[in-house]
Amino acid sequence: MRAMAASLFRSEVIRAAFSPAKALRRPPWALAEAEFSSACTGYADCIGACPESILVADRDNHPVVNFALGPCTFCGACVRACGAGAFAPAGAASEPAPASAPWAAKPTVGETCLSTAGVICRTCADSCDRRAIMFRLAVGGHATPMIDSTRCNGCGACVAPCPTAALTIG
């Protein structure tokens, strides 16, 4: 019985059951969380359809974007693969890619950023094709990364290459 209890405990830790709930990044054009969770069947058709292989299943087998695996190209394959109506716009399945904006999420820079600690690192800016990340010189000679929200589309290209995982899309 003791081994089983330890196994259950490890399982719960892996599922982050004891950590504060954090917002999941659903695929682009997903409905609001409550509607998405209700509509999603968990068949994972969208996960298999993603050509970038950045969609992974949560514990309910619903898709979550994992930017550590790479950026989203907003191709719309996940939307077209879903037969459950968990994505908006509703007519997107017949279009090459949905016309509306995929999401308003943008990257934020956390405390582990090397540049803010005085270490020269521009990996995130080098990875951004849209040139949405710039560095502003700050007091003390270190540079602070700045995200230009007019250029950034929230694709996550800056997330995976960051050596300290300082960037999150939220």
N, C-alpha and C. Protein backbone atom coordinates (compact mmCIF):
# COMPACT_ATOMS: atom_id res chain seq x y z
N MET A 1 0.82 -1.19 0.00
CA MET A 1 0.00 0.00 0.00
C MET A 1 0.86 1.26 0.00
N ARG A 2 1.98 1.21 0.71
CA ARG A 2 2.87 2.36 0.80
C ARG A 2 3.40 2.74 -0.58
N ALA A 3 3.79 1.77 -1.41
CA ALA A 3 4.30 2.05 -2.75
C ALA A 3 3.22 2.69 -3.61
N MET A 4 1.99 2.24 -3.46
CA MET A 4 0.90 2.81 -4.24
C MET A 4 0.67 4.27 -3.85
N ALA A 5 0.71 4.58 -2.58
CA ALA A 5 0.52 5.96 -2.13
C ALA A 5 1.62 6.85 -2.68
N ALA A 6 2.85 6.36 -2.68
CA ALA A 6 3.96 7.16 -3.22
C ALA A 6 3.77 7.37 -4.71
N SER A 7 3.29 6.35 -5.40
CA SER A 7 3.05 6.48 -6.83
C SER A 7 1.97 7.51 -7.12
N LEU A 8 0.91 7.48 -6.36
CA LEU A 8 -0.14 8.46 -6.55
C LEU A 8 0.37 9.86 -6.27
N PHE A 9 1.18 10.00 -5.25
CA PHE A 9 1.73 11.31 -4.92
C PHE A 9 2.58 11.84 -6.06
N ARG A 10 3.47 11.00 -6.60
CA ARG A 10 4.30 11.43 -7.73
C ARG A 10 3.44 11.82 -8.92
N SER A 11 2.40 11.05 -9.17
CA SER A 11 1.51 11.35 -10.28
C SER A 11 0.86 12.72 -10.10
N GLU A 12 0.41 13.01 -8.91
CA GLU A 12 -0.22 14.30 -8.66
C GLU A 12 0.76 15.44 -8.79
N VAL A 13 2.00 15.22 -8.37
CA VAL A 13 3.02 16.26 -8.52
C VAL A 13 3.30 16.52 -9.98
N ILE A 14 3.41 15.45 -10.77
CA ILE A 14 3.66 15.59 -12.20
C ILE A 14 2.53 16.39 -12.85
N ARG A 15 1.33 16.16 -12.44
CA ARG A 15 0.18 16.86 -13.00
C ARG A 15 0.03 18.27 -12.43
N ALA A 16 0.91 18.66 -11.55
CA ALA A 16 0.91 19.99 -10.94
C ALA A 16 -0.34 20.23 -10.11
N ALA A 17 -0.85 19.17 -9.51
CA ALA A 17 -2.06 19.31 -8.71
C ALA A 17 -1.83 20.13 -7.44
N PHE A 18 -0.59 20.22 -6.99
CA PHE A 18 -0.32 20.96 -5.77
C PHE A 18 0.24 22.35 -6.03
N SER A 19 0.36 22.72 -7.27
CA SER A 19 0.86 24.05 -7.59
C SER A 19 -0.33 24.95 -7.96
N PRO A 20 -0.15 26.25 -7.83
CA PRO A 20 -1.25 27.14 -8.19
C PRO A 20 -1.64 26.94 -9.66
N ALA A 21 -2.92 27.06 -9.92
CA ALA A 21 -3.39 26.89 -11.28
C ALA A 21 -2.86 28.01 -12.15
N LYS A 22 -2.39 27.65 -13.33
CA LYS A 22 -1.94 28.66 -14.27
C LYS A 22 -2.73 28.51 -15.55
N ALA A 23 -2.87 29.61 -16.24
CA ALA A 23 -3.65 29.59 -17.46
C ALA A 23 -2.95 28.75 -18.51
N LEU A 24 -3.73 27.94 -19.19
CA LEU A 24 -3.20 27.11 -20.27
C LEU A 24 -3.28 27.90 -21.57
N ARG A 25 -2.30 27.74 -22.41
CA ARG A 25 -2.33 28.41 -23.72
C ARG A 25 -2.93 27.41 -24.69
N ARG A 26 -4.19 27.61 -24.99
CA ARG A 26 -4.86 26.77 -25.96
C ARG A 26 -4.39 27.13 -27.36
N PRO A 27 -4.67 26.31 -28.36
CA PRO A 27 -4.26 26.63 -29.73
C PRO A 27 -4.89 27.93 -30.22
N PRO A 28 -4.35 28.49 -31.29
CA PRO A 28 -4.92 29.74 -31.81
C PRO A 28 -6.38 29.56 -32.21
N TRP A 29 -7.13 30.62 -32.05
CA TRP A 29 -8.55 30.69 -32.37
C TRP A 29 -9.42 29.80 -31.50
N ALA A 30 -8.89 29.32 -30.37
CA ALA A 30 -9.70 28.51 -29.46
C ALA A 30 -10.75 29.39 -28.80
N LEU A 31 -11.89 28.80 -28.51
CA LEU A 31 -12.94 29.51 -27.78
C LEU A 31 -12.44 29.86 -26.38
N ALA A 32 -13.17 30.69 -25.67
CA ALA A 32 -12.83 30.99 -24.28
C ALA A 32 -12.76 29.67 -23.50
N GLU A 33 -11.96 29.63 -22.46
CA GLU A 33 -11.63 28.37 -21.76
C GLU A 33 -12.85 27.53 -21.39
N ALA A 34 -13.86 28.11 -20.80
CA ALA A 34 -15.03 27.33 -20.38
C ALA A 34 -15.72 26.71 -21.59
N GLU A 35 -15.90 27.49 -22.64
CA GLU A 35 -16.54 26.98 -23.85
C GLU A 35 -15.66 25.96 -24.55
N PHE A 36 -14.36 26.22 -24.56
CA PHE A 36 -13.44 25.29 -25.21
C PHE A 36 -13.46 23.94 -24.50
N SER A 37 -13.34 23.95 -23.17
CA SER A 37 -13.33 22.70 -22.40
C SER A 37 -14.62 21.92 -22.59
N SER A 38 -15.71 22.63 -22.73
CA SER A 38 -16.99 21.98 -22.93
C SER A 38 -17.11 21.39 -24.34
N ALA A 39 -16.62 22.12 -25.33
CA ALA A 39 -16.76 21.68 -26.73
C ALA A 39 -15.73 20.63 -27.13
N CYS A 40 -14.53 20.70 -26.59
CA CYS A 40 -13.45 19.80 -27.00
C CYS A 40 -13.77 18.36 -26.59
N THR A 41 -13.70 17.46 -27.53
CA THR A 41 -14.00 16.05 -27.28
C THR A 41 -12.80 15.27 -26.75
N GLY A 42 -11.60 15.83 -26.89
CA GLY A 42 -10.41 15.13 -26.44
C GLY A 42 -9.93 14.08 -27.42
N TYR A 43 -10.45 14.10 -28.66
CA TYR A 43 -10.00 13.14 -29.66
C TYR A 43 -8.60 13.46 -30.18
N ALA A 44 -8.13 14.66 -29.93
CA ALA A 44 -6.77 15.10 -30.28
C ALA A 44 -6.51 15.18 -31.78
N ASP A 45 -7.54 15.35 -32.58
CA ASP A 45 -7.34 15.53 -34.02
C ASP A 45 -6.48 16.76 -34.30
N CYS A 46 -6.69 17.81 -33.52
CA CYS A 46 -5.92 19.04 -33.72
C CYS A 46 -4.45 18.82 -33.38
N ILE A 47 -4.18 18.03 -32.38
CA ILE A 47 -2.79 17.76 -31.99
C ILE A 47 -2.05 17.05 -33.12
N GLY A 48 -2.68 16.06 -33.71
CA GLY A 48 -2.08 15.33 -34.81
C GLY A 48 -1.96 16.16 -36.08
N ALA A 49 -2.83 17.16 -36.23
CA ALA A 49 -2.82 17.97 -37.44
C ALA A 49 -1.76 19.07 -37.41
N CYS A 50 -1.23 19.40 -36.26
CA CYS A 50 -0.28 20.51 -36.15
C CYS A 50 1.03 20.17 -36.86
N PRO A 51 1.37 20.89 -37.94
CA PRO A 51 2.60 20.58 -38.66
C PRO A 51 3.86 20.97 -37.89
N GLU A 52 3.72 21.83 -36.90
CA GLU A 52 4.87 22.25 -36.09
C GLU A 52 5.08 21.33 -34.89
N SER A 53 4.13 20.46 -34.62
CA SER A 53 4.18 19.53 -33.48
C SER A 53 4.39 20.25 -32.15
N ILE A 54 3.69 21.36 -31.98
CA ILE A 54 3.82 22.12 -30.72
C ILE A 54 2.60 21.95 -29.83
N LEU A 55 1.61 21.19 -30.28
CA LEU A 55 0.43 20.95 -29.45
C LEU A 55 0.62 19.65 -28.69
N VAL A 56 0.37 19.72 -27.39
CA VAL A 56 0.45 18.55 -26.52
C VAL A 56 -0.87 18.43 -25.77
N ALA A 57 -1.13 17.27 -25.23
CA ALA A 57 -2.38 17.04 -24.51
C ALA A 57 -2.22 17.35 -23.03
N ASP A 58 -3.23 17.99 -22.45
CA ASP A 58 -3.25 18.18 -21.01
C ASP A 58 -3.84 16.90 -20.39
N ARG A 59 -4.12 16.89 -19.12
CA ARG A 59 -4.59 15.65 -18.50
C ARG A 59 -6.00 15.25 -18.93
N ASP A 60 -6.73 16.17 -19.54
CA ASP A 60 -8.05 15.85 -20.09
C ASP A 60 -7.98 15.54 -21.58
N ASN A 61 -6.79 15.42 -22.10
CA ASN A 61 -6.51 15.16 -23.52
C ASN A 61 -6.95 16.32 -24.41
N HIS A 62 -6.99 17.52 -23.84
CA HIS A 62 -7.28 18.73 -24.60
C HIS A 62 -5.96 19.36 -25.01
N PRO A 63 -5.91 20.03 -26.16
CA PRO A 63 -4.64 20.57 -26.66
C PRO A 63 -4.16 21.80 -25.90
N VAL A 64 -2.85 21.85 -25.71
CA VAL A 64 -2.16 22.98 -25.11
C VAL A 64 -0.94 23.27 -25.97
N VAL A 65 -0.68 24.54 -26.21
CA VAL A 65 0.50 24.93 -26.99
C VAL A 65 1.72 24.88 -26.07
N ASN A 66 2.76 24.20 -26.52
CA ASN A 66 4.02 24.14 -25.78
C ASN A 66 5.08 24.86 -26.61
N PHE A 67 5.32 26.13 -26.29
CA PHE A 67 6.27 26.93 -27.06
C PHE A 67 7.71 26.47 -26.87
N ALA A 68 7.97 25.62 -25.89
CA ALA A 68 9.32 25.06 -25.75
C ALA A 68 9.65 24.15 -26.93
N LEU A 69 8.63 23.70 -27.64
CA LEU A 69 8.83 22.84 -28.80
C LEU A 69 9.01 23.62 -30.10
N GLY A 70 8.69 24.92 -30.06
CA GLY A 70 8.84 25.76 -31.25
C GLY A 70 7.73 26.78 -31.35
N PRO A 71 7.76 27.58 -32.42
CA PRO A 71 6.75 28.63 -32.60
C PRO A 71 5.50 28.13 -33.32
N CYS A 72 4.45 28.91 -33.22
CA CYS A 72 3.22 28.64 -33.95
C CYS A 72 3.25 29.46 -35.24
N THR A 73 2.92 28.83 -36.34
CA THR A 73 2.90 29.52 -37.63
C THR A 73 1.51 30.03 -37.97
N PHE A 74 0.53 29.76 -37.13
CA PHE A 74 -0.85 30.18 -37.33
C PHE A 74 -1.40 29.69 -38.67
N CYS A 75 -1.07 28.45 -39.00
CA CYS A 75 -1.50 27.88 -40.27
C CYS A 75 -2.97 27.53 -40.30
N GLY A 76 -3.57 27.32 -39.12
CA GLY A 76 -4.99 26.98 -39.05
C GLY A 76 -5.29 25.50 -39.16
N ALA A 77 -4.27 24.65 -39.23
CA ALA A 77 -4.49 23.20 -39.36
C ALA A 77 -5.27 22.64 -38.17
N CYS A 78 -5.00 23.14 -36.98
CA CYS A 78 -5.70 22.67 -35.79
C CYS A 78 -7.19 23.01 -35.86
N VAL A 79 -7.48 24.20 -36.35
CA VAL A 79 -8.87 24.64 -36.49
C VAL A 79 -9.60 23.75 -37.48
N ARG A 80 -8.97 23.51 -38.62
CA ARG A 80 -9.62 22.70 -39.66
C ARG A 80 -9.79 21.24 -39.24
N ALA A 81 -8.91 20.74 -38.39
CA ALA A 81 -8.99 19.34 -37.97
C ALA A 81 -10.06 19.09 -36.91
N CYS A 82 -10.47 20.13 -36.22
CA CYS A 82 -11.44 19.98 -35.13
C CYS A 82 -12.85 19.86 -35.69
N GLY A 83 -13.48 18.76 -35.36
CA GLY A 83 -14.87 18.57 -35.78
C GLY A 83 -15.85 18.92 -34.67
N ALA A 84 -15.34 19.35 -33.53
CA ALA A 84 -16.20 19.58 -32.37
C ALA A 84 -16.64 21.03 -32.22
N GLY A 85 -16.10 21.93 -33.02
CA GLY A 85 -16.48 23.34 -32.90
C GLY A 85 -15.85 24.04 -31.70
N ALA A 86 -14.66 23.62 -31.31
CA ALA A 86 -13.98 24.23 -30.16
C ALA A 86 -13.18 25.47 -30.55
N PHE A 87 -13.23 25.83 -31.82
CA PHE A 87 -12.48 26.98 -32.30
C PHE A 87 -13.41 27.99 -32.96
N ALA A 88 -13.00 29.24 -32.97
CA ALA A 88 -13.73 30.31 -33.66
C ALA A 88 -12.77 30.95 -34.63
N PRO A 89 -13.15 31.48 -35.75
CA PRO A 89 -14.52 31.56 -36.22
C PRO A 89 -15.04 30.23 -36.71
N ALA A 90 -16.35 30.07 -36.63
CA ALA A 90 -16.98 28.79 -36.96
C ALA A 90 -16.73 28.38 -38.40
N GLY A 91 -16.62 29.32 -39.33
CA GLY A 91 -16.43 28.99 -40.74
C GLY A 91 -14.99 28.75 -41.14
N ALA A 92 -14.09 28.73 -40.19
CA ALA A 92 -12.67 28.64 -40.51
C ALA A 92 -12.27 27.30 -41.13
N ALA A 93 -13.06 26.26 -40.93
CA ALA A 93 -12.68 24.93 -41.42
C ALA A 93 -12.59 24.88 -42.95
N SER A 94 -13.29 25.76 -43.63
CA SER A 94 -13.26 25.73 -45.09
C SER A 94 -12.24 26.70 -45.68
N GLU A 95 -11.65 27.52 -44.85
CA GLU A 95 -10.69 28.53 -45.31
C GLU A 95 -9.27 28.00 -45.17
N PRO A 96 -8.31 28.54 -45.93
CA PRO A 96 -6.92 28.12 -45.78
C PRO A 96 -6.40 28.38 -44.37
N ALA A 97 -6.75 29.52 -43.81
CA ALA A 97 -6.41 29.85 -42.43
C ALA A 97 -7.45 30.85 -41.96
N PRO A 98 -7.84 30.80 -40.70
CA PRO A 98 -8.85 31.72 -40.18
C PRO A 98 -8.43 33.17 -40.36
N ALA A 99 -9.42 34.03 -40.61
CA ALA A 99 -9.15 35.43 -40.90
C ALA A 99 -8.96 36.27 -39.65
N SER A 100 -9.57 35.91 -38.54
CA SER A 100 -9.47 36.72 -37.33
C SER A 100 -8.12 36.51 -36.64
N ALA A 101 -7.77 37.42 -35.75
CA ALA A 101 -6.51 37.30 -35.01
C ALA A 101 -6.53 36.04 -34.16
N PRO A 102 -5.43 35.30 -34.11
CA PRO A 102 -5.40 34.04 -33.37
C PRO A 102 -5.53 34.23 -31.87
N TRP A 103 -4.88 35.22 -31.32
CA TRP A 103 -4.98 35.55 -29.90
C TRP A 103 -4.26 36.86 -29.66
N ALA A 104 -4.50 37.42 -28.49
CA ALA A 104 -3.88 38.69 -28.14
C ALA A 104 -2.65 38.47 -27.25
N ALA A 105 -2.30 37.23 -27.00
CA ALA A 105 -1.18 36.91 -26.11
C ALA A 105 0.14 37.39 -26.68
N LYS A 106 0.96 37.94 -25.84
CA LYS A 106 2.29 38.43 -26.21
C LYS A 106 3.30 37.91 -25.18
N PRO A 107 4.57 37.88 -25.55
CA PRO A 107 5.56 37.41 -24.58
C PRO A 107 5.82 38.42 -23.48
N THR A 108 6.15 37.89 -22.32
CA THR A 108 6.62 38.72 -21.22
C THR A 108 7.98 38.19 -20.81
N VAL A 109 8.81 39.09 -20.33
CA VAL A 109 10.18 38.75 -19.95
C VAL A 109 10.24 38.62 -18.43
N GLY A 110 10.71 37.46 -17.97
CA GLY A 110 10.79 37.20 -16.55
C GLY A 110 12.13 37.60 -15.93
N GLU A 111 12.24 37.36 -14.65
CA GLU A 111 13.41 37.76 -13.87
C GLU A 111 14.68 37.00 -14.23
N THR A 112 14.56 35.86 -14.90
CA THR A 112 15.75 35.07 -15.21
C THR A 112 16.43 35.51 -16.50
N CYS A 113 15.96 36.57 -17.12
CA CYS A 113 16.56 37.07 -18.37
C CYS A 113 18.02 37.46 -18.13
N LEU A 114 18.90 36.90 -18.94
CA LEU A 114 20.33 37.17 -18.79
C LEU A 114 20.67 38.63 -19.04
N SER A 115 20.02 39.25 -20.00
CA SER A 115 20.33 40.64 -20.33
C SER A 115 20.06 41.58 -19.17
N THR A 116 19.00 41.34 -18.42
CA THR A 116 18.70 42.20 -17.28
C THR A 116 19.68 41.98 -16.14
N ALA A 117 20.42 40.87 -16.20
CA ALA A 117 21.45 40.59 -15.19
C ALA A 117 22.83 41.06 -15.64
N GLY A 118 22.89 41.72 -16.79
CA GLY A 118 24.17 42.24 -17.27
C GLY A 118 24.93 41.31 -18.19
N VAL A 119 24.36 40.18 -18.54
CA VAL A 119 25.00 39.24 -19.44
C VAL A 119 24.49 39.53 -20.86
N ILE A 120 25.40 39.64 -21.79
CA ILE A 120 24.99 39.95 -23.16
C ILE A 120 24.32 38.71 -23.78
N CYS A 121 23.06 38.86 -24.06
CA CYS A 121 22.28 37.79 -24.69
C CYS A 121 21.21 38.46 -25.53
N ARG A 122 21.12 38.07 -26.77
CA ARG A 122 20.11 38.61 -27.67
C ARG A 122 19.41 37.47 -28.42
N THR A 123 19.40 36.30 -27.80
CA THR A 123 18.85 35.11 -28.44
C THR A 123 17.39 35.30 -28.84
N CYS A 124 16.61 35.91 -27.98
CA CYS A 124 15.18 36.09 -28.28
C CYS A 124 14.99 37.00 -29.49
N ALA A 125 15.75 38.09 -29.54
CA ALA A 125 15.63 39.02 -30.68
C ALA A 125 16.12 38.38 -31.97
N ASP A 126 17.17 37.58 -31.88
CA ASP A 126 17.69 36.90 -33.06
C ASP A 126 16.68 35.89 -33.61
N SER A 127 15.83 35.35 -32.74
CA SER A 127 14.85 34.34 -33.14
C SER A 127 13.56 34.94 -33.67
N CYS A 128 13.37 36.23 -33.50
CA CYS A 128 12.11 36.88 -33.87
C CYS A 128 12.18 37.40 -35.30
N ASP A 129 11.47 36.72 -36.20
CA ASP A 129 11.43 37.14 -37.61
C ASP A 129 10.73 38.49 -37.80
N ARG A 130 9.85 38.83 -36.89
CA ARG A 130 9.09 40.08 -37.02
C ARG A 130 9.83 41.28 -36.41
N ARG A 131 10.98 41.03 -35.85
CA ARG A 131 11.80 42.08 -35.22
C ARG A 131 11.00 42.86 -34.18
N ALA A 132 10.28 42.11 -33.36
CA ALA A 132 9.43 42.71 -32.34
C ALA A 132 10.15 42.88 -31.00
N ILE A 133 11.37 42.36 -30.89
CA ILE A 133 12.11 42.48 -29.64
C ILE A 133 13.33 43.37 -29.86
N MET A 134 13.40 44.41 -29.05
CA MET A 134 14.53 45.34 -29.11
C MET A 134 15.12 45.44 -27.71
N PHE A 135 16.32 45.92 -27.63
CA PHE A 135 16.97 46.08 -26.33
C PHE A 135 17.25 47.54 -26.07
N ARG A 136 16.85 47.99 -24.88
CA ARG A 136 17.07 49.37 -24.48
C ARG A 136 18.13 49.37 -23.39
N LEU A 137 19.14 50.20 -23.58
CA LEU A 137 20.21 50.30 -22.59
C LEU A 137 19.65 50.89 -21.31
N ALA A 138 19.97 50.25 -20.21
CA ALA A 138 19.49 50.69 -18.90
C ALA A 138 20.67 51.15 -18.04
N VAL A 139 20.35 51.76 -16.93
CA VAL A 139 21.38 52.22 -15.99
C VAL A 139 22.21 51.02 -15.54
N GLY A 140 23.50 51.18 -15.50
CA GLY A 140 24.38 50.10 -15.08
C GLY A 140 24.96 49.34 -16.25
N GLY A 141 24.62 49.72 -17.46
CA GLY A 141 25.21 49.11 -18.64
C GLY A 141 24.54 47.85 -19.12
N HIS A 142 23.43 47.43 -18.51
CA HIS A 142 22.76 46.24 -19.03
C HIS A 142 21.59 46.66 -19.92
N ALA A 143 21.19 45.78 -20.77
CA ALA A 143 20.11 46.08 -21.71
C ALA A 143 18.83 45.37 -21.28
N THR A 144 17.73 46.05 -21.45
CA THR A 144 16.43 45.50 -21.10
C THR A 144 15.67 45.16 -22.38
N PRO A 145 15.21 43.91 -22.52
CA PRO A 145 14.43 43.56 -23.71
C PRO A 145 13.07 44.24 -23.67
N MET A 146 12.68 44.77 -24.80
CA MET A 146 11.38 45.44 -24.94
C MET A 146 10.62 44.76 -26.07
N ILE A 147 9.35 44.45 -25.83
CA ILE A 147 8.51 43.80 -26.82
C ILE A 147 7.64 44.87 -27.49
N ASP A 148 7.73 44.99 -28.80
CA ASP A 148 6.91 45.92 -29.56
C ASP A 148 5.60 45.19 -29.88
N SER A 149 4.54 45.54 -29.17
CA SER A 149 3.27 44.82 -29.32
C SER A 149 2.62 45.04 -30.68
N THR A 150 3.04 46.08 -31.40
CA THR A 150 2.48 46.28 -32.74
C THR A 150 3.11 45.33 -33.77
N ARG A 151 4.31 44.88 -33.49
CA ARG A 151 4.98 43.93 -34.40
C ARG A 151 4.80 42.48 -33.97
N CYS A 152 4.68 42.24 -32.68
CA CYS A 152 4.61 40.88 -32.14
C CYS A 152 3.24 40.27 -32.40
N ASN A 153 3.23 39.04 -32.90
CA ASN A 153 1.97 38.32 -33.10
C ASN A 153 1.78 37.20 -32.09
N GLY A 154 2.71 37.05 -31.15
CA GLY A 154 2.58 36.03 -30.11
C GLY A 154 2.89 34.62 -30.58
N CYS A 155 3.70 34.49 -31.63
CA CYS A 155 3.99 33.17 -32.21
C CYS A 155 4.83 32.28 -31.31
N GLY A 156 5.61 32.89 -30.41
CA GLY A 156 6.43 32.11 -29.49
C GLY A 156 7.80 31.74 -30.00
N ALA A 157 8.23 32.29 -31.13
CA ALA A 157 9.55 31.97 -31.68
C ALA A 157 10.67 32.34 -30.71
N CYS A 158 10.42 33.27 -29.83
CA CYS A 158 11.43 33.72 -28.88
C CYS A 158 11.53 32.83 -27.65
N VAL A 159 10.54 32.00 -27.40
CA VAL A 159 10.47 31.24 -26.16
C VAL A 159 11.47 30.09 -26.11
N ALA A 160 11.44 29.18 -27.07
CA ALA A 160 12.28 27.98 -27.03
C ALA A 160 13.78 28.27 -27.01
N PRO A 161 14.28 29.24 -27.79
CA PRO A 161 15.72 29.46 -27.79
C PRO A 161 16.27 30.15 -26.54
N CYS A 162 15.42 30.72 -25.71
CA CYS A 162 15.90 31.42 -24.51
C CYS A 162 16.61 30.45 -23.58
N PRO A 163 17.90 30.70 -23.26
CA PRO A 163 18.65 29.76 -22.45
C PRO A 163 18.20 29.66 -21.00
N THR A 164 17.42 30.63 -20.53
CA THR A 164 16.97 30.60 -19.14
C THR A 164 15.46 30.52 -19.00
N ALA A 165 14.76 30.27 -20.09
CA ALA A 165 13.30 30.18 -20.09
C ALA A 165 12.66 31.41 -19.47
N ALA A 166 13.20 32.57 -19.79
CA ALA A 166 12.72 33.82 -19.21
C ALA A 166 11.48 34.37 -19.91
N LEU A 167 11.17 33.86 -21.09
CA LEU A 167 10.02 34.37 -21.83
C LEU A 167 8.84 33.42 -21.73
N THR A 168 7.68 34.00 -21.52
CA THR A 168 6.44 33.24 -21.52
C THR A 168 5.41 33.99 -22.35
N ILE A 169 4.53 33.25 -22.99
CA ILE A 169 3.46 33.86 -23.77
C ILE A 169 2.22 33.84 -22.90
N GLY A 170 1.68 35.00 -22.66
CA GLY A 170 0.50 35.05 -21.77
C GLY A 170 -0.26 36.32 -21.94
